[in-house]
Amino acid sequence: MSLNTLKIKTGVVKRYFKEEKSYHKEVEDQEKRIEKLTAEGADPSVINKQKEVLEESQRIIPDVQSRLKGAYEELRNLVNQKNPSWTGTTELEDAENTLKDVGPEIGLQNN
């Protein structure tokens, strides 16, 4: 595998991780929005529409988590190949740091 492949796979893990965090934040914000609308006595149709948006975000999260875990495993396997031409490169360092940072957040460890 090339160094460019390592860089791309690292970027994929970072992107999926950011996407997952974004959806969790969206769910949290949407729940607060629904609580506020309910407390203000907003029109039930508006509240129901917001609940639909919330449910859609909640349905997306498992898919993103699955893609993230798959990408993480691919990157981990690639790093564990210990390609000698990657030794000391910033791409390898970035990949290792990404695994170290993301793994605990998603319940996986870099072995």
C-alpha atoms as a PDB file:
ATOM      1  CA  MET A   1       0.000   0.000   0.000  1.00  0.00           C
ATOM      2  CA  SER A   2       1.140   3.502  -0.718  1.00  0.00           C
ATOM      3  CA  LEU A   3       1.653   6.371   1.656  1.00  0.00           C
ATOM      4  CA  ASN A   4      -1.149   8.169  -0.164  1.00  0.00           C
ATOM      5  CA  THR A   5      -3.532   5.316   0.718  1.00  0.00           C
ATOM      6  CA  LEU A   6      -2.598   5.712   4.380  1.00  0.00           C
ATOM      7  CA  LYS A   7      -3.280   9.439   4.179  1.00  0.00           C
ATOM      8  CA  ILE A   8      -6.664   8.884   2.497  1.00  0.00           C
ATOM      9  CA  LYS A   9      -7.770   6.249   5.016  1.00  0.00           C
ATOM     10  CA  THR A  10      -6.750   8.531   7.883  1.00  0.00           C
ATOM     11  CA  GLY A  11      -8.844  11.310   6.353  1.00  0.00           C
ATOM     12  CA  VAL A  12     -11.833   8.982   6.016  1.00  0.00           C
ATOM     13  CA  VAL A  13     -11.698   8.090   9.724  1.00  0.00           C
ATOM     14  CA  LYS A  14     -11.438  11.764  10.674  1.00  0.00           C
ATOM     15  CA  ARG A  15     -14.349  12.699   8.411  1.00  0.00           C
ATOM     16  CA  TYR A  16     -16.652   9.942   9.713  1.00  0.00           C
ATOM     17  CA  PHE A  17     -15.724  10.788  13.302  1.00  0.00           C
ATOM     18  CA  LYS A  18     -16.570  14.437  12.723  1.00  0.00           C
ATOM     19  CA  GLU A  19     -19.813  13.435  10.994  1.00  0.00           C
ATOM     20  CA  GLU A  20     -20.847  11.203  13.892  1.00  0.00           C
ATOM     21  CA  LYS A  21     -20.208  13.964  16.429  1.00  0.00           C
ATOM     22  CA  SER A  22     -22.181  16.360  14.245  1.00  0.00           C
ATOM     23  CA  TYR A  23     -25.239  14.087  14.191  1.00  0.00           C
ATOM     24  CA  HIS A  24     -25.116  13.610  17.967  1.00  0.00           C
ATOM     25  CA  LYS A  25     -25.001  17.395  18.378  1.00  0.00           C
ATOM     26  CA  GLU A  26     -27.891  17.767  15.935  1.00  0.00           C
ATOM     27  CA  VAL A  27     -29.981  15.288  17.948  1.00  0.00           C
ATOM     28  CA  GLU A  28     -29.192  17.134  21.168  1.00  0.00           C
ATOM     29  CA  ASP A  29     -30.076  20.510  19.633  1.00  0.00           C
ATOM     30  CA  GLN A  30     -33.270  19.146  18.098  1.00  0.00           C
ATOM     31  CA  GLU A  31     -34.388  17.690  21.445  1.00  0.00           C
ATOM     32  CA  LYS A  32     -33.889  21.091  23.077  1.00  0.00           C
ATOM     33  CA  ARG A  33     -35.799  22.773  20.243  1.00  0.00           C
ATOM     34  CA  ILE A  34     -38.741  20.392  20.711  1.00  0.00           C
ATOM     35  CA  GLU A  35     -38.751  20.968  24.478  1.00  0.00           C
ATOM     36  CA  LYS A  36     -38.775  24.722  23.920  1.00  0.00           C
ATOM     37  CA  LEU A  37     -41.582  24.553  21.353  1.00  0.00           C
ATOM     38  CA  THR A  38     -43.621  22.321  23.654  1.00  0.00           C
ATOM     39  CA  ALA A  39     -43.091  24.645  26.623  1.00  0.00           C
ATOM     40  CA  GLU A  40     -44.127  27.629  24.502  1.00  0.00           C
ATOM     41  CA  GLY A  41     -47.295  25.843  23.394  1.00  0.00           C
ATOM     42  CA  ALA A  42     -46.354  25.871  19.724  1.00  0.00           C
ATOM     43  CA  ASP A  43     -48.634  24.468  17.055  1.00  0.00           C
ATOM     44  CA  PRO A  44     -48.686  20.648  17.275  1.00  0.00           C
ATOM     45  CA  SER A  45     -47.948  20.333  13.556  1.00  0.00           C
ATOM     46  CA  VAL A  46     -44.728  22.317  14.021  1.00  0.00           C
ATOM     47  CA  ILE A  47     -43.734  20.123  16.961  1.00  0.00           C
ATOM     48  CA  ASN A  48     -44.515  16.962  14.989  1.00  0.00           C
ATOM     49  CA  LYS A  49     -42.394  18.156  12.068  1.00  0.00           C
ATOM     50  CA  GLN A  50     -39.493  18.803  14.447  1.00  0.00           C
ATOM     51  CA  LYS A  51     -39.952  15.315  15.904  1.00  0.00           C
ATOM     52  CA  GLU A  52     -39.686  13.891  12.376  1.00  0.00           C
ATOM     53  CA  VAL A  53     -36.416  15.768  11.885  1.00  0.00           C
ATOM     54  CA  LEU A  54     -35.171  14.367  15.205  1.00  0.00           C
ATOM     55  CA  GLU A  55     -36.118  10.806  14.257  1.00  0.00           C
ATOM     56  CA  GLU A  56     -34.346  11.136  10.916  1.00  0.00           C
ATOM     57  CA  SER A  57     -31.139  12.236  12.629  1.00  0.00           C
ATOM     58  CA  GLN A  58     -31.418   9.391  15.128  1.00  0.00           C
ATOM     59  CA  ARG A  59     -31.834   6.864  12.290  1.00  0.00           C
ATOM     60  CA  ILE A  60     -28.681   8.094  10.550  1.00  0.00           C
ATOM     61  CA  ILE A  61     -26.372   7.711  13.570  1.00  0.00           C
ATOM     62  CA  PRO A  62     -26.081   3.878  13.522  1.00  0.00           C
ATOM     63  CA  ASP A  63     -25.108   3.947   9.833  1.00  0.00           C
ATOM     64  CA  VAL A  64     -22.448   6.580  10.439  1.00  0.00           C
ATOM     65  CA  GLN A  65     -21.141   4.626  13.439  1.00  0.00           C
ATOM     66  CA  SER A  66     -20.914   1.479  11.344  1.00  0.00           C
ATOM     67  CA  ARG A  67     -19.012   3.262   8.576  1.00  0.00           C
ATOM     68  CA  LEU A  68     -16.706   4.870  11.147  1.00  0.00           C
ATOM     69  CA  LYS A  69     -15.894   1.553  12.820  1.00  0.00           C
ATOM     70  CA  GLY A  70     -15.233  -0.062   9.447  1.00  0.00           C
ATOM     71  CA  ALA A  71     -12.927   2.765   8.394  1.00  0.00           C
ATOM     72  CA  TYR A  72     -11.179   2.645  11.778  1.00  0.00           C
ATOM     73  CA  GLU A  73     -10.558  -1.105  11.410  1.00  0.00           C
ATOM     74  CA  GLU A  74      -9.187  -0.614   7.887  1.00  0.00           C
ATOM     75  CA  LEU A  75      -6.827   2.107   9.077  1.00  0.00           C
ATOM     76  CA  ARG A  76      -5.722   0.058  12.081  1.00  0.00           C
ATOM     77  CA  ASN A  77      -4.989  -2.947   9.865  1.00  0.00           C
ATOM     78  CA  LEU A  78      -3.048  -0.758   7.464  1.00  0.00           C
ATOM     79  CA  VAL A  79      -0.958   0.786  10.256  1.00  0.00           C
ATOM     80  CA  ASN A  80      -0.344  -2.646  11.797  1.00  0.00           C
ATOM     81  CA  GLN A  81       1.236  -3.827   8.537  1.00  0.00           C
ATOM     82  CA  LYS A  82       4.277  -1.826   9.665  1.00  0.00           C
ATOM     83  CA  ASN A  83       5.355  -0.803   6.175  1.00  0.00           C
ATOM     84  CA  PRO A  84       9.060   0.093   6.585  1.00  0.00           C
ATOM     85  CA  SER A  85       8.858   2.874   4.005  1.00  0.00           C
ATOM     86  CA  TRP A  86       6.388   4.737   6.243  1.00  0.00           C
ATOM     87  CA  THR A  87       8.681   4.875   9.282  1.00  0.00           C
ATOM     88  CA  GLY A  88       9.104   8.427  10.525  1.00  0.00           C
ATOM     89  CA  THR A  89       6.610   9.963   8.086  1.00  0.00           C
ATOM     90  CA  THR A  90       4.058  12.552   9.119  1.00  0.00           C
ATOM     91  CA  GLU A  91       1.353  10.438   7.450  1.00  0.00           C
ATOM     92  CA  LEU A  92       2.090   7.477   9.730  1.00  0.00           C
ATOM     93  CA  GLU A  93       2.248   9.723  12.781  1.00  0.00           C
ATOM     94  CA  ASP A  94      -1.093  11.294  11.826  1.00  0.00           C
ATOM     95  CA  ALA A  95      -2.658   7.848  11.306  1.00  0.00           C
ATOM     96  CA  GLU A  96      -1.389   6.583  14.676  1.00  0.00           C
ATOM     97  CA  ASN A  97      -2.613   9.714  16.468  1.00  0.00           C
ATOM     98  CA  THR A  98      -6.001   9.417  14.776  1.00  0.00           C
ATOM     99  CA  LEU A  99      -6.327   5.801  15.921  1.00  0.00           C
ATOM    100  CA  LYS A 100      -5.276   6.766  19.450  1.00  0.00           C
ATOM    101  CA  ASP A 101      -7.734   9.673  19.618  1.00  0.00           C
ATOM    102  CA  VAL A 102     -10.753   8.122  17.892  1.00  0.00           C
ATOM    103  CA  GLY A 103     -10.555   4.549  19.223  1.00  0.00           C
ATOM    104  CA  PRO A 104     -11.575   5.223  22.826  1.00  0.00           C
ATOM    105  CA  GLU A 105     -14.356   7.556  21.661  1.00  0.00           C
ATOM    106  CA  ILE A 106     -15.977   4.799  19.597  1.00  0.00           C
ATOM    107  CA  GLY A 107     -15.251   1.907  21.947  1.00  0.00           C
ATOM    108  CA  LEU A 108     -12.322   0.461  20.004  1.00  0.00           C
ATOM    109  CA  GLN A 109      -8.675   0.313  20.909  1.00  0.00           C
ATOM    110  CA  ASN A 110      -5.649   0.430  18.656  1.00  0.00           C
ATOM    111  CA  ASN A 111      -4.030  -2.989  19.069  1.00  0.00           C
END
